[in-house]
Protein backbone atom coordinates (compact mmCIF):
# COMPACT_ATOMS: atom_id res chain seq x y z
CA UNK A 1 15.08 -2.76 9.52
CA UNK A 2 12.21 -0.23 9.45
CA UNK A 3 11.29 1.96 12.41
CA UNK A 4 7.97 3.78 12.88
CA UNK A 5 9.00 7.36 13.70
CA UNK A 6 7.16 10.66 14.11
CA UNK A 7 8.02 12.09 10.68
CA UNK A 8 6.41 9.10 8.98
CA UNK A 9 3.18 9.33 10.98
CA UNK A 10 2.94 13.08 10.35
CA UNK A 11 3.39 12.61 6.59
CA UNK A 12 0.60 10.03 6.51
CA UNK A 13 -1.78 12.40 8.29
CA UNK A 14 -1.12 15.14 5.73
CA UNK A 15 -2.07 13.08 2.67
CA UNK A 16 -5.34 13.74 0.81
CA UNK A 17 -7.27 12.79 -2.36
CA UNK A 18 -5.61 9.43 -2.96
CA UNK A 19 -3.73 7.17 -0.61
CA UNK A 20 -0.80 7.09 -3.05
CA UNK A 21 1.22 9.60 -5.08
CA UNK A 22 2.75 8.82 -8.48
CA UNK A 23 4.56 11.84 -9.87
CA UNK A 24 7.17 12.76 -7.26
CA UNK A 25 9.90 10.72 -5.58
CA UNK A 26 10.46 11.85 -1.97
CA UNK A 27 14.12 12.74 -1.31
CA UNK A 28 14.28 10.49 1.75
CA UNK A 29 13.03 7.54 -0.30
CA UNK A 30 15.80 8.10 -2.86
CA UNK A 31 18.42 7.85 -0.14
CA UNK A 32 16.75 4.77 1.34
CA UNK A 33 16.80 3.03 -2.05
CA UNK A 34 20.51 3.83 -2.40
CA UNK A 35 21.15 2.34 1.05
CA UNK A 36 19.25 -0.84 0.20
CA UNK A 37 21.24 -1.26 -3.02
CA UNK A 38 24.54 -0.66 -1.24
CA UNK A 39 23.67 -3.49 1.14
CA UNK A 40 22.33 -5.79 -1.61
CA UNK A 41 24.88 -5.15 -4.42
CA UNK A 42 27.85 -4.61 -2.16
CA UNK A 43 30.93 -2.56 -2.93
CA UNK A 44 32.55 -1.98 -6.32
CA UNK A 45 35.92 -3.79 -5.95
CA UNK A 46 38.84 -2.34 -7.86
CA UNK A 47 40.67 -5.69 -7.88
CA UNK A 48 40.06 -9.40 -7.44
CA UNK A 49 37.64 -11.87 -8.97
CA UNK A 50 34.74 -9.41 -8.80
CA UNK A 51 36.72 -6.39 -9.99
CA UNK A 52 33.76 -4.85 -11.82
CA UNK A 53 31.20 -5.96 -9.26
CA UNK A 54 27.56 -5.54 -10.20
CA UNK A 55 27.47 -1.75 -10.41
CA UNK A 56 29.29 -1.58 -13.74
CA UNK A 57 26.85 -3.91 -15.55
CA UNK A 58 23.99 -1.91 -14.05
CA UNK A 59 25.44 1.38 -15.28
CA UNK A 60 26.05 -0.06 -18.74
CA UNK A 61 22.44 -1.21 -19.02
CA UNK A 62 21.10 2.18 -17.93
CA UNK A 63 23.39 4.23 -20.18
CA UNK A 64 22.45 2.14 -23.21
CA UNK A 65 18.72 2.31 -22.47
CA UNK A 66 18.74 6.05 -21.68
CA UNK A 67 21.02 6.81 -24.66
CA UNK A 68 23.80 8.51 -22.67
CA UNK A 69 27.51 7.89 -22.12
CA UNK A 70 27.37 8.54 -18.40
CA UNK A 71 24.60 8.96 -15.85
CA UNK A 72 26.10 11.74 -13.74
CA UNK A 73 29.72 11.97 -14.90
CA UNK A 74 31.11 10.04 -11.94
CA UNK A 75 34.10 7.82 -12.71
CA UNK A 76 33.06 4.88 -10.56
CA UNK A 77 29.95 2.99 -11.61
CA UNK A 78 28.70 2.73 -8.04
CA UNK A 79 29.00 6.48 -7.43
CA UNK A 80 27.46 7.22 -10.83
CA UNK A 81 24.35 5.07 -10.24
CA UNK A 82 23.85 6.19 -6.66
CA UNK A 83 24.14 9.86 -7.55
CA UNK A 84 21.70 9.36 -10.42
CA UNK A 85 19.10 7.82 -8.11
CA UNK A 86 19.34 10.81 -5.80
CA UNK A 87 19.38 13.56 -8.44
CA UNK A 88 17.35 12.54 -11.50
CA UNK A 89 14.23 14.64 -12.02
CA UNK A 90 12.52 11.93 -14.05
CA UNK A 91 10.21 9.60 -12.14
CA UNK A 92 10.36 7.17 -15.08
CA UNK A 93 14.17 7.10 -15.06
CA UNK A 94 14.25 6.63 -11.29
CA UNK A 95 11.81 3.71 -11.44
CA UNK A 96 13.61 2.20 -14.45
CA UNK A 97 16.87 2.33 -12.49
CA UNK A 98 15.19 0.65 -9.53
CA UNK A 99 13.76 -2.01 -11.82
CA UNK A 100 17.10 -2.77 -13.48
CA UNK A 101 18.98 -2.73 -10.17
CA UNK A 102 16.65 -5.12 -8.40
CA UNK A 103 16.60 -7.51 -11.34
CA UNK A 104 20.36 -7.78 -10.85
CA UNK A 105 19.92 -8.16 -7.09
CA UNK A 106 17.46 -11.00 -7.62
CA UNK A 107 18.97 -12.77 -10.63
CA UNK A 108 22.69 -12.04 -10.83
CA UNK A 109 24.13 -11.49 -7.36
CA UNK A 110 25.33 -14.78 -5.84
CA UNK A 111 24.06 -15.33 -2.34
CA UNK A 112 26.84 -17.64 -1.16
CA UNK A 113 28.73 -16.64 1.96
CA UNK A 114 32.11 -16.18 0.22
CA UNK A 115 30.82 -13.79 -2.45
CA UNK A 116 28.79 -11.81 0.08
CA UNK A 117 31.89 -11.47 2.21
CA UNK A 118 34.11 -10.31 -0.68
CA UNK A 119 31.57 -7.74 -1.88
CA UNK A 120 30.49 -6.77 1.65
CA UNK A 121 26.88 -7.70 0.89
CA UNK A 122 24.82 -7.46 4.07
CA UNK A 123 21.28 -7.86 2.72
CA UNK A 124 19.89 -10.81 0.77
CA UNK A 125 17.78 -10.44 -2.36
CA UNK A 126 14.44 -11.32 -0.77
CA UNK A 127 15.03 -9.04 2.18
CA UNK A 128 16.08 -6.19 -0.13
CA UNK A 129 12.95 -6.48 -2.29
CA UNK A 130 10.70 -6.65 0.75
CA UNK A 131 12.28 -3.54 2.24
CA UNK A 132 12.03 -1.69 -1.08
CA UNK A 133 8.29 -2.35 -1.32
CA UNK A 134 7.76 -1.42 2.32
CA UNK A 135 9.68 1.83 1.79
CA UNK A 136 7.50 2.62 -1.23
CA UNK A 137 4.37 1.97 0.83
CA UNK A 138 5.54 4.05 3.77
CA UNK A 139 6.45 6.93 1.45
CA UNK A 140 2.98 6.75 -0.11
CA UNK A 141 4.50 6.14 -3.54
CA UNK A 142 2.06 4.23 -5.69
CA UNK A 143 4.46 1.66 -7.12
CA UNK A 144 5.62 -1.82 -6.18
CA UNK A 145 8.37 -4.09 -7.50
CA UNK A 146 7.15 -7.60 -8.27
CA UNK A 147 8.51 -10.38 -10.50
CA UNK A 148 11.19 -8.20 -12.05
CA UNK A 149 9.04 -5.18 -12.92
CA UNK A 150 7.78 -2.00 -11.28
CA UNK A 151 4.01 -1.53 -11.50
CA UNK A 152 1.64 1.27 -10.51
CA UNK A 153 -0.81 0.17 -7.87
CA UNK A 154 -3.62 2.07 -9.59
CA UNK A 155 -3.18 -0.22 -12.57
CA UNK A 156 -5.07 -2.67 -10.42
CA UNK A 157 -8.75 -2.67 -11.30
CA UNK A 158 -9.77 -2.67 -7.65
CA UNK A 159 -7.80 0.46 -6.80
CA UNK A 160 -8.97 2.39 -9.82
CA UNK A 161 -12.63 1.40 -9.80
CA UNK A 162 -13.32 0.87 -6.09
CA UNK A 163 -10.74 2.45 -3.76
CA UNK A 164 -10.64 5.85 -5.44
CA UNK A 165 -14.46 6.20 -5.76
CA UNK A 166 -14.80 5.15 -2.12
CA UNK A 167 -12.33 7.87 -1.12
CA UNK A 168 -14.28 10.42 -3.18
CA UNK A 169 -17.50 9.47 -1.39
CA UNK A 170 -15.87 9.65 2.04
CA UNK A 171 -14.65 13.18 1.29
CA UNK A 172 -18.22 14.30 2.13
CA UNK A 173 -17.95 16.05 5.51
CA UNK A 174 -20.78 13.91 6.88
CA UNK A 175 -18.53 10.87 6.61
CA UNK A 176 -15.45 12.45 8.20
CA UNK A 177 -15.18 9.72 10.85
CA UNK A 178 -15.39 6.91 8.32
CA UNK A 179 -12.89 8.74 6.12
CA UNK A 180 -10.38 8.93 8.98
CA UNK A 181 -10.80 5.23 9.70
CA UNK A 182 -10.49 4.18 6.06
CA UNK A 183 -7.33 6.24 5.59
CA UNK A 184 -5.97 4.95 8.90
CA UNK A 185 -6.47 1.42 7.57
CA UNK A 186 -4.31 2.28 4.55
CA UNK A 187 -1.70 3.89 6.80
CA UNK A 188 -1.55 0.75 8.92
CA UNK A 189 -1.20 -1.32 5.74
CA UNK A 190 1.71 0.81 4.51
CA UNK A 191 3.37 0.52 7.91
CA UNK A 192 2.97 -3.26 7.95
CA UNK A 193 0.48 -3.09 10.83
CA UNK A 194 -1.89 -5.59 9.27
CA UNK A 195 -3.93 -6.39 12.36
CA UNK A 196 -4.82 -2.71 12.91
CA UNK A 197 -5.50 -2.37 9.19
CA UNK A 198 -8.23 -5.03 9.33
CA UNK A 199 -9.79 -3.43 12.41
CA UNK A 200 -9.96 0.05 10.89
CA UNK A 201 -11.21 -1.28 7.55
CA UNK A 202 -14.35 -2.71 9.14
CA UNK A 203 -14.75 0.28 11.46
CA UNK A 204 -14.96 2.54 8.40
CA UNK A 205 -17.82 0.44 6.97
CA UNK A 206 -19.68 0.54 10.27
CA UNK A 207 -19.18 4.31 10.52
CA UNK A 208 -20.63 4.78 7.03
CA UNK A 209 -23.68 2.75 8.03
CA UNK A 210 -24.15 4.74 11.24
CA UNK A 211 -23.85 8.03 9.38
CA UNK A 212 -26.46 6.91 6.86
CA UNK A 213 -28.73 5.81 9.71
CA UNK A 214 -28.34 9.23 11.29
CA UNK A 215 -29.04 11.02 8.02
CA UNK A 216 -32.21 8.97 7.51
CA UNK A 217 -33.37 9.37 11.11
CA UNK A 218 -32.99 5.68 11.90
CA UNK A 219 -32.27 5.00 15.60
CA UNK A 220 -29.41 2.57 16.24
CA UNK A 221 -27.35 1.22 19.09
CA UNK A 222 -23.97 2.99 19.17
CA UNK A 223 -22.32 -0.36 19.71
CA UNK A 224 -24.11 -2.04 16.79
CA UNK A 225 -21.98 -4.05 14.40
CA UNK A 226 -22.09 -4.21 10.63
CA UNK A 227 -24.64 -7.02 10.37
CA UNK A 228 -27.12 -5.33 12.75
CA UNK A 229 -26.73 -1.99 11.01
CA UNK A 230 -27.32 -3.64 7.64
CA UNK A 231 -30.63 -5.04 8.90
CA UNK A 232 -31.73 -1.58 10.05
CA UNK A 233 -30.88 -0.07 6.68
CA UNK A 234 -32.77 -2.80 4.88
CA UNK A 235 -35.89 -2.08 6.92
CA UNK A 236 -35.59 1.60 6.04
CA UNK A 237 -36.03 0.84 2.34
CA UNK A 238 -32.53 2.05 1.56
CA UNK A 239 -32.56 -0.21 -1.48
CA UNK A 240 -35.21 -0.72 -4.14
CA UNK A 241 -37.11 -4.00 -3.97
CA UNK A 242 -35.27 -5.48 -6.92
CA UNK A 243 -32.00 -5.25 -4.96
CA UNK A 244 -33.25 -7.34 -2.04
CA UNK A 245 -31.23 -10.38 -3.07
CA UNK A 246 -28.12 -8.29 -3.62
CA UNK A 247 -28.61 -6.80 -0.18
CA UNK A 248 -28.96 -10.25 1.32
CA UNK A 249 -25.63 -11.13 -0.28
CA UNK A 250 -24.14 -7.98 1.21
CA UNK A 251 -25.49 -8.89 4.64
CA UNK A 252 -24.08 -12.40 4.35
CA UNK A 253 -20.69 -11.04 3.35
CA UNK A 254 -20.70 -8.55 6.19
CA UNK A 255 -21.69 -11.30 8.61
CA UNK A 256 -19.21 -13.91 7.46
CA UNK A 257 -16.48 -12.02 5.67
CA UNK A 258 -14.94 -8.81 6.85
CA UNK A 259 -16.20 -8.92 10.46
CA UNK A 260 -14.63 -12.35 10.83
CA UNK A 261 -11.37 -10.88 9.58
CA UNK A 262 -11.68 -8.17 12.22
CA UNK A 263 -12.86 -10.50 14.99
CA UNK A 264 -10.36 -13.26 14.32
CA UNK A 265 -7.38 -11.17 13.31
CA UNK A 266 -7.91 -7.83 14.98
CA UNK A 267 -10.09 -7.00 17.95
CA UNK A 268 -10.75 -9.11 21.05
CA UNK A 269 -7.99 -10.69 23.14
CA UNK A 270 -5.49 -12.72 21.14
CA UNK A 271 -4.66 -15.02 24.05
CA UNK A 272 -1.19 -16.11 25.13
CA UNK A 273 0.11 -16.48 21.57
CA UNK A 274 0.97 -13.51 19.35
CA UNK A 275 -1.36 -13.66 16.34
CA UNK A 276 0.14 -12.58 13.03
CA UNK A 277 -2.07 -11.15 10.30
CA UNK A 278 -0.67 -11.78 6.78
CA UNK A 279 -0.47 -8.93 4.29
CA UNK A 280 -2.97 -10.64 1.97
CA UNK A 281 -5.59 -10.71 4.75
CA UNK A 282 -5.15 -6.98 5.34
CA UNK A 283 -5.35 -6.32 1.60
CA UNK A 284 -8.57 -8.35 1.43
CA UNK A 285 -10.01 -6.35 4.32
CA UNK A 286 -9.19 -3.05 2.61
CA UNK A 287 -10.65 -4.07 -0.74
CA UNK A 288 -13.76 -5.61 0.79
CA UNK A 289 -14.33 -2.55 2.96
CA UNK A 290 -13.99 -0.27 -0.07
CA UNK A 291 -16.49 -2.40 -2.02
CA UNK A 292 -19.02 -2.19 0.80
CA UNK A 293 -18.53 1.56 1.20
CA UNK A 294 -19.07 2.10 -2.52
CA UNK A 295 -22.17 -0.12 -2.46
CA UNK A 296 -23.60 1.87 0.45
CA UNK A 297 -22.65 5.16 -1.19
CA UNK A 298 -24.56 4.34 -4.36
CA UNK A 299 -27.58 3.14 -2.42
CA UNK A 300 -27.58 6.23 -0.20
CA UNK A 301 -27.27 8.56 -3.18
CA UNK A 302 -30.19 6.79 -4.84
CA UNK A 303 -32.23 7.06 -1.65
CA UNK A 304 -31.56 10.80 -1.44
CA UNK A 305 -32.60 11.27 -5.09
CA UNK A 306 -35.81 9.33 -4.54
CA UNK A 307 -36.70 11.38 -1.47
CA UNK A 308 -36.50 14.71 -3.30
């Protein structure tokens, strides 16, 4: 169970440069990971069929791989692993421990009712992995656990080559509004608020277009949407002639792609039924918005160079 509390919202507002961090594990996240593992691996029985539980195999794997006899000198394997997760100064060792632990959660821990009762397991494997990844997102830590391994999100080509350059462009004070909306979209994504994520993603693109219109002295309706703003920018010769076809593709995408995500999954009344926006739709909205922002940024920079 994850609750949206004040401390989380405040931490999101304070972030800058990138939407994720990679070199520091927040103390609260360490404790949360320990709590997830306690629920998913259960207790460390001192007697019975599961006398060694799943903590002892986990500690043995980690000690062998790290080349040590003990992680923190604790006698019990459960205490040793949990203390290590909370105290290790190495991001790599922390993430390796998470990786090894959740492989056991997914592959080795039986999910039958009897075993879960004996070991006092209160969280299933799928639920545990989902909560882990949500906790990472909410903490702004740029890693996810998928298919048995921990990966950095900036290993993704889209994040490295599109999201980060888009953030760099939006750091320009002229685009402060769009920057707030784009970061808010990421905050909504981390919080699992996928509907709001899609709405803010498109809003950031529209704000970029309006700012460019203002900078170029192009009058526009304050309520204009992305497609209408794109037509105004085209008429202003924002792009060289040889990019006309590319711009038409951009207009088509703006008209049929991201706005439809926003219109269908975000804004406007949702009617009597609660409409759920899947995570992959929100991710698509974020990536598409970043692509459009970067496209507009390059075109605007070229326009400014040509006007000098």
